[in-house]
Amino acid sequence: MTAETFQAALPHLFGHEGGYADHPSDPGGATKYGITRATLSSWRGRTVTKTDVRRLTRDEAGAIYKARYWDGVRADDLPAGVDYCVFDAAVNSGPGRAAKWLQAAVRVAQDGAVGPVTLAAAGRRDPKDLIDDICDVRLAFLRGLGTWSVFGRGWERRVGDVRRVARAMAGEAGGQESPPLNPEPPPPVPPLSSQPPTGGLWAAVATLLRAVLTGGRR
């Protein structure tokens, strides 16, 4: 929601992305801090090598995160907590895909671009509920990928952590939790005649209540 939120999100993101990796099953190839070789080449305006990827600094990665991913999903315009949730998804799976997960969660057209309609729909939702929905949509998509057997446990752990941290961020921004706008009515109290028979004090209380409610009539 603000630059402060972006800075608060960075340690969590770096923790998930880790350092340099070049897993043969990862279609992104050589990657560091979640920044692929293709992304770094685009950022620098020239083709980079695996060595360039390996030497990528946190400062440059942070600048890429902000310009390509945070701004790419308009995180500054999203509610606190939701911003981090969508941002992490953008770094992990691309801004377009993250935008579609958000749009699926708020039930608007999934065009992969966060615009006024998406932002308005997100603003009408309870942030914590929206975070849960985004994470559920994200996990459902990831489970359908052919690489789930390789990366699934890590993805599931990551989404679970994002859910927890994002909900905490939403709670801090909102202060103490407020009751829902349309709280569910309490469950109905069974009539006295349907209560199981009990003796002693409770029988006397039941008799007294029945007399009060019926005006002494039987």
Protein backbone atom coordinates (compact mmCIF):
# COMPACT_ATOMS: atom_id res chain seq x y z
CA MET A 1 0.00 0.00 0.00
CA THR A 2 2.99 2.31 0.53
CA ALA A 3 6.74 2.35 0.04
CA GLU A 4 6.99 1.27 3.68
CA THR A 5 5.01 -1.86 2.86
CA PHE A 6 7.33 -2.60 -0.05
CA GLN A 7 10.37 -2.37 2.23
CA ALA A 8 8.66 -4.57 4.81
CA ALA A 9 7.91 -7.16 2.12
CA LEU A 10 11.46 -7.38 0.76
CA PRO A 11 12.99 -9.53 3.55
CA HIS A 12 10.18 -12.06 3.19
CA LEU A 13 10.62 -12.14 -0.57
CA PHE A 14 14.38 -12.60 -0.40
CA GLY A 15 13.83 -15.35 2.14
CA HIS A 16 11.62 -17.25 -0.29
CA GLU A 17 13.66 -16.67 -3.41
CA GLY A 18 17.05 -17.51 -1.94
CA GLY A 19 20.24 -17.10 -3.92
CA TYR A 20 21.50 -18.36 -7.25
CA ALA A 21 19.91 -21.46 -8.77
CA ASP A 22 19.97 -23.18 -12.14
CA HIS A 23 17.64 -26.15 -11.72
CA PRO A 24 17.21 -28.27 -14.88
CA SER A 25 13.45 -28.51 -14.27
CA ASP A 26 13.02 -24.75 -13.91
CA PRO A 27 11.96 -23.27 -17.27
CA GLY A 28 13.41 -19.92 -16.16
CA GLY A 29 16.93 -21.33 -16.20
CA ALA A 30 19.60 -19.48 -14.25
CA THR A 31 17.92 -17.42 -11.52
CA LYS A 32 18.94 -15.36 -8.53
CA TYR A 33 16.52 -13.79 -6.05
CA GLY A 34 13.77 -14.92 -8.43
CA ILE A 35 15.22 -12.80 -11.24
CA THR A 36 15.71 -14.91 -14.36
CA ARG A 37 18.39 -14.43 -16.96
CA ALA A 38 15.76 -13.19 -19.43
CA THR A 39 14.40 -10.65 -16.94
CA LEU A 40 17.86 -9.35 -16.09
CA SER A 41 18.71 -9.07 -19.80
CA SER A 42 15.55 -7.05 -20.38
CA TRP A 43 16.29 -4.85 -17.37
CA ARG A 44 19.86 -4.10 -18.46
CA GLY A 45 19.01 -3.81 -22.14
CA ARG A 46 21.50 -6.44 -23.25
CA THR A 47 21.97 -10.17 -23.16
CA VAL A 48 23.47 -11.27 -19.85
CA THR A 49 25.37 -14.44 -18.95
CA LYS A 50 24.84 -16.87 -16.11
CA THR A 51 27.79 -15.20 -14.42
CA ASP A 52 25.95 -11.88 -14.57
CA VAL A 53 22.96 -13.51 -12.93
CA ARG A 54 25.17 -15.01 -10.24
CA ARG A 55 26.65 -11.57 -9.48
CA LEU A 56 23.27 -9.84 -9.21
CA THR A 57 23.14 -7.75 -6.02
CA ARG A 58 20.24 -7.35 -3.63
CA ASP A 59 20.06 -3.65 -4.40
CA GLU A 60 19.60 -4.25 -8.11
CA ALA A 61 17.18 -7.08 -7.47
CA GLY A 62 15.17 -4.74 -5.22
CA ALA A 63 15.03 -2.11 -7.96
CA ILE A 64 13.77 -4.74 -10.42
CA TYR A 65 11.20 -5.98 -7.90
CA LYS A 66 9.85 -2.45 -7.47
CA ALA A 67 9.69 -1.48 -11.14
CA ARG A 68 8.68 -4.78 -12.75
CA TYR A 69 6.61 -6.52 -10.09
CA TRP A 70 5.41 -4.21 -7.31
CA ASP A 71 4.47 -1.44 -9.73
CA GLY A 72 3.47 -4.05 -12.31
CA VAL A 73 0.50 -5.12 -10.15
CA ARG A 74 -0.18 -1.60 -8.79
CA ALA A 75 0.56 -2.78 -5.28
CA ASP A 76 0.59 0.79 -3.94
CA ASP A 77 -3.14 0.93 -4.74
CA LEU A 78 -4.03 -2.38 -3.07
CA PRO A 79 -5.04 -2.83 0.59
CA ALA A 80 -2.26 -3.60 3.06
CA GLY A 81 -1.48 -7.30 3.12
CA VAL A 82 -3.15 -7.85 -0.24
CA ASP A 83 -0.33 -5.82 -1.78
CA TYR A 84 2.32 -8.19 -0.44
CA CYS A 85 0.25 -11.26 -1.34
CA VAL A 86 -0.08 -10.20 -5.00
CA PHE A 87 3.50 -8.91 -5.15
CA ASP A 88 4.98 -12.22 -4.04
CA ALA A 89 2.84 -14.03 -6.60
CA ALA A 90 4.08 -11.65 -9.29
CA VAL A 91 7.73 -12.35 -8.54
CA ASN A 92 7.12 -16.09 -8.37
CA SER A 93 4.87 -16.48 -11.42
CA GLY A 94 4.83 -13.16 -13.30
CA PRO A 95 2.77 -9.96 -12.90
CA GLY A 96 0.18 -11.03 -15.48
CA ARG A 97 -0.51 -14.32 -13.75
CA ALA A 98 -0.63 -12.66 -10.31
CA ALA A 99 -3.10 -10.09 -11.63
CA LYS A 100 -5.33 -12.88 -12.95
CA TRP A 101 -5.29 -14.61 -9.56
CA LEU A 102 -6.35 -11.36 -7.91
CA GLN A 103 -9.06 -10.87 -10.53
CA ALA A 104 -10.30 -14.42 -10.07
CA ALA A 105 -10.52 -13.82 -6.32
CA VAL A 106 -12.55 -10.59 -6.71
CA ARG A 107 -14.61 -12.07 -9.58
CA VAL A 108 -13.87 -9.63 -12.39
CA ALA A 109 -12.64 -10.26 -15.93
CA GLN A 110 -9.20 -11.89 -15.89
CA ASP A 111 -7.27 -9.78 -18.39
CA GLY A 112 -3.99 -9.86 -16.44
CA ALA A 113 -3.84 -6.09 -15.93
CA VAL A 114 -4.76 -4.47 -12.61
CA GLY A 115 -6.96 -1.49 -13.42
CA PRO A 116 -9.74 0.60 -11.84
CA VAL A 117 -12.33 -2.19 -11.94
CA THR A 118 -10.01 -4.68 -10.24
CA LEU A 119 -8.89 -2.13 -7.64
CA ALA A 120 -12.48 -1.13 -6.83
CA ALA A 121 -13.50 -4.77 -6.41
CA ALA A 122 -10.49 -5.43 -4.18
CA GLY A 123 -11.32 -2.41 -2.05
CA ARG A 124 -14.78 -3.76 -1.32
CA ARG A 125 -13.48 -7.01 0.12
CA ASP A 126 -12.30 -7.78 3.62
CA PRO A 127 -8.50 -7.87 3.13
CA LYS A 128 -7.96 -11.06 5.11
CA ASP A 129 -10.68 -12.91 3.25
CA LEU A 130 -9.28 -11.66 -0.06
CA ILE A 131 -5.79 -12.84 0.88
CA ASP A 132 -7.16 -16.30 1.62
CA ASP A 133 -8.97 -16.41 -1.74
CA ILE A 134 -5.91 -15.30 -3.70
CA CYS A 135 -3.74 -17.90 -1.99
CA ASP A 136 -6.34 -20.60 -2.68
CA VAL A 137 -6.53 -19.68 -6.38
CA ARG A 138 -2.74 -19.57 -6.57
CA LEU A 139 -2.33 -22.99 -5.01
CA ALA A 140 -4.98 -24.51 -7.27
CA PHE A 141 -3.09 -23.25 -10.31
CA LEU A 142 0.29 -24.44 -9.05
CA ARG A 143 -1.06 -27.91 -8.27
CA GLY A 144 -2.02 -28.25 -11.93
CA LEU A 145 1.50 -27.64 -13.21
CA GLY A 146 3.63 -30.50 -14.48
CA THR A 147 6.48 -29.44 -12.20
CA TRP A 148 4.36 -29.72 -9.02
CA SER A 149 6.03 -33.06 -8.19
CA VAL A 150 9.41 -31.30 -8.20
CA PHE A 151 8.63 -27.92 -6.63
CA GLY A 152 5.22 -28.53 -5.03
CA ARG A 153 6.31 -28.85 -1.41
CA GLY A 154 8.29 -25.63 -1.61
CA TRP A 155 5.49 -23.77 -3.35
CA GLU A 156 2.94 -24.94 -0.82
CA ARG A 157 5.17 -23.89 2.07
CA ARG A 158 5.77 -20.51 0.42
CA VAL A 159 2.09 -19.78 -0.20
CA GLY A 160 1.30 -20.77 3.37
CA ASP A 161 3.90 -18.36 4.69
CA VAL A 162 2.69 -15.57 2.38
CA ARG A 163 -0.86 -16.14 3.62
CA ARG A 164 0.24 -15.85 7.26
CA VAL A 165 2.43 -12.75 6.78
CA ALA A 166 -0.06 -10.98 4.51
CA ARG A 167 -2.92 -11.53 6.98
CA ALA A 168 -0.72 -10.13 9.76
CA MET A 169 0.02 -7.05 7.63
CA ALA A 170 -3.70 -6.57 7.00
CA GLY A 171 -4.40 -6.88 10.72
CA GLU A 172 -1.77 -4.29 11.64
CA ALA A 173 -3.16 -1.83 9.11
CA GLY A 174 -6.71 -2.27 10.35
CA GLY A 175 -5.99 -2.21 14.07
CA GLN A 176 -8.31 -4.31 16.18
CA GLU A 177 -10.60 -6.52 14.22
CA SER A 178 -14.11 -5.16 13.75
CA PRO A 179 -17.24 -7.34 13.77
CA PRO A 180 -18.48 -8.28 10.30
CA LEU A 181 -20.91 -5.88 8.64
CA ASN A 182 -23.57 -8.57 8.41
CA PRO A 183 -22.88 -10.91 11.32
CA GLU A 184 -24.58 -14.26 11.25
CA PRO A 185 -27.44 -14.52 13.75
CA PRO A 186 -26.74 -16.66 16.80
CA PRO A 187 -28.08 -20.20 16.68
CA PRO A 188 -31.67 -20.46 17.92
CA VAL A 189 -32.19 -21.52 21.52
CA PRO A 190 -34.29 -24.69 21.74
CA PRO A 191 -37.63 -24.28 23.55
CA LEU A 192 -37.66 -25.38 27.15
CA SER A 193 -39.87 -28.32 26.34
CA SER A 194 -37.15 -29.76 24.09
CA GLN A 195 -34.39 -29.50 26.68
CA PRO A 196 -33.34 -32.80 28.22
CA PRO A 197 -35.01 -33.37 31.56
CA THR A 198 -32.85 -32.50 34.52
CA GLY A 199 -33.65 -32.50 38.17
CA GLY A 200 -32.92 -30.30 41.14
CA LEU A 201 -32.04 -26.64 40.60
CA TRP A 202 -32.35 -26.70 36.80
CA ALA A 203 -35.85 -28.17 36.97
CA ALA A 204 -36.87 -25.39 39.32
CA VAL A 205 -35.37 -22.72 37.02
CA ALA A 206 -37.18 -24.21 34.03
CA THR A 207 -40.50 -24.18 35.91
CA LEU A 208 -39.97 -20.55 36.94
CA LEU A 209 -39.13 -19.46 33.38
CA ARG A 210 -42.17 -21.27 32.00
CA ALA A 211 -44.38 -19.54 34.54
CA VAL A 212 -42.94 -16.12 33.62
CA LEU A 213 -43.34 -16.71 29.88
CA THR A 214 -46.89 -18.07 30.09
CA GLY A 215 -48.21 -15.84 32.84
CA GLY A 216 -48.80 -18.83 35.05
CA ARG A 217 -51.01 -20.56 32.49
CA ARG A 218 -50.46 -24.24 31.72
